[in-house]
Amino acid sequence: MHDLQIQAVLVPELLKGYVFIETAKAVDRINVYSSTGKLYFTIPRPHRSDAGVSIDISGLTTGVFMVEVVSGTERQVRKLIKE
């Protein structure tokens, strides 16, 4: 599996309410997992601006999460730290 085509970048990595995911490709879904692998939520076909996707993570508790960005058969996972 090649995950280099999505190039997902979380801005900022340390955050409180919203996170912006910069992508060059359309995103099919975004999955947010706890550090133990529990799926917190999925956003199917998120609305995308010219540069990426903004998601609300204000409902998550403080901690470390993994954000999986899926586009077709490609996926990329990034660490997110919520204050």
Protein backbone atom coordinates (compact mmCIF):
# COMPACT_ATOMS: atom_id res chain seq x y z
CA MET A 1 0.00 0.00 0.00
CA HIS A 2 1.34 3.43 -0.92
CA ASP A 3 0.40 6.26 1.41
CA LEU A 4 2.64 8.95 -0.05
CA GLN A 5 0.06 10.46 -2.42
CA ILE A 6 -2.24 11.91 0.26
CA GLN A 7 0.40 13.96 2.11
CA ALA A 8 -1.90 14.78 5.02
CA VAL A 9 -0.58 17.46 7.35
CA LEU A 10 -2.32 18.38 10.62
CA VAL A 11 -2.23 22.08 11.45
CA PRO A 12 -1.52 22.60 14.32
CA GLU A 13 -0.46 19.31 15.93
CA LEU A 14 -1.13 20.56 19.47
CA LEU A 15 -4.66 21.90 19.56
CA LYS A 16 -7.89 22.50 21.40
CA GLY A 17 -10.92 22.86 19.11
CA TYR A 18 -10.41 22.52 15.38
CA VAL A 19 -7.74 20.90 13.28
CA PHE A 20 -7.08 21.60 9.62
CA ILE A 21 -5.90 18.69 7.49
CA GLU A 22 -4.00 19.85 4.42
CA THR A 23 -4.32 17.45 1.48
CA ALA A 24 -3.75 17.68 -2.24
CA LYS A 25 -6.32 14.95 -2.94
CA ALA A 26 -10.01 14.54 -2.17
CA VAL A 27 -10.65 12.78 1.14
CA ASP A 28 -13.10 9.86 1.30
CA ARG A 29 -13.22 9.69 5.09
CA ILE A 30 -11.41 10.67 8.27
CA ASN A 31 -11.22 8.32 11.26
CA VAL A 32 -10.13 9.50 14.70
CA TYR A 33 -8.77 6.86 17.11
CA SER A 34 -7.57 6.96 20.70
CA SER A 35 -3.97 6.00 21.43
CA THR A 36 -5.28 2.53 22.37
CA GLY A 37 -7.01 2.05 19.01
CA LYS A 38 -10.61 2.86 19.99
CA LEU A 39 -12.49 4.52 17.14
CA TYR A 40 -13.95 7.81 18.42
CA PHE A 41 -15.62 8.99 15.24
CA THR A 42 -15.63 8.84 11.45
CA ILE A 43 -16.35 11.68 9.06
CA PRO A 44 -17.47 10.21 5.72
CA ARG A 45 -16.76 12.40 2.68
CA PRO A 46 -15.80 15.53 4.65
CA HIS A 47 -16.33 18.93 3.03
CA ARG A 48 -13.04 20.02 1.48
CA SER A 49 -11.86 23.54 0.76
CA ASP A 50 -9.15 24.26 -1.81
CA ALA A 51 -6.39 23.22 0.58
CA GLY A 52 -7.93 20.57 2.82
CA VAL A 53 -10.45 19.66 5.49
CA SER A 54 -11.29 21.26 8.84
CA ILE A 55 -12.63 19.01 11.62
CA ASP A 56 -14.04 19.82 15.05
CA ILE A 57 -12.30 17.88 17.81
CA SER A 58 -13.63 19.97 20.71
CA GLY A 59 -15.66 16.98 21.93
CA LEU A 60 -12.56 14.84 22.48
CA THR A 61 -10.95 14.57 25.90
CA THR A 62 -7.38 15.73 26.49
CA GLY A 63 -4.89 13.21 25.18
CA VAL A 64 -3.15 11.65 22.21
CA PHE A 65 -5.15 10.55 19.17
CA MET A 66 -4.45 9.12 15.74
CA VAL A 67 -6.12 10.68 12.70
CA GLU A 68 -6.45 8.41 9.68
CA VAL A 69 -7.07 10.15 6.34
CA VAL A 70 -8.41 7.85 3.61
CA SER A 71 -8.51 8.64 -0.11
CA GLY A 72 -9.43 5.72 -2.38
CA THR A 73 -7.09 2.84 -1.52
CA GLU A 74 -4.54 5.17 0.08
CA ARG A 75 -4.40 6.10 3.74
CA GLN A 76 -2.18 8.13 6.00
CA VAL A 77 -2.15 8.27 9.80
CA ARG A 78 -1.00 11.27 11.84
CA LYS A 79 -0.63 11.80 15.59
CA LEU A 80 -2.75 14.54 17.17
CA ILE A 81 -2.27 15.90 20.72
CA LYS A 82 -5.32 17.56 22.25
CA GLU A 83 -4.81 19.97 25.16
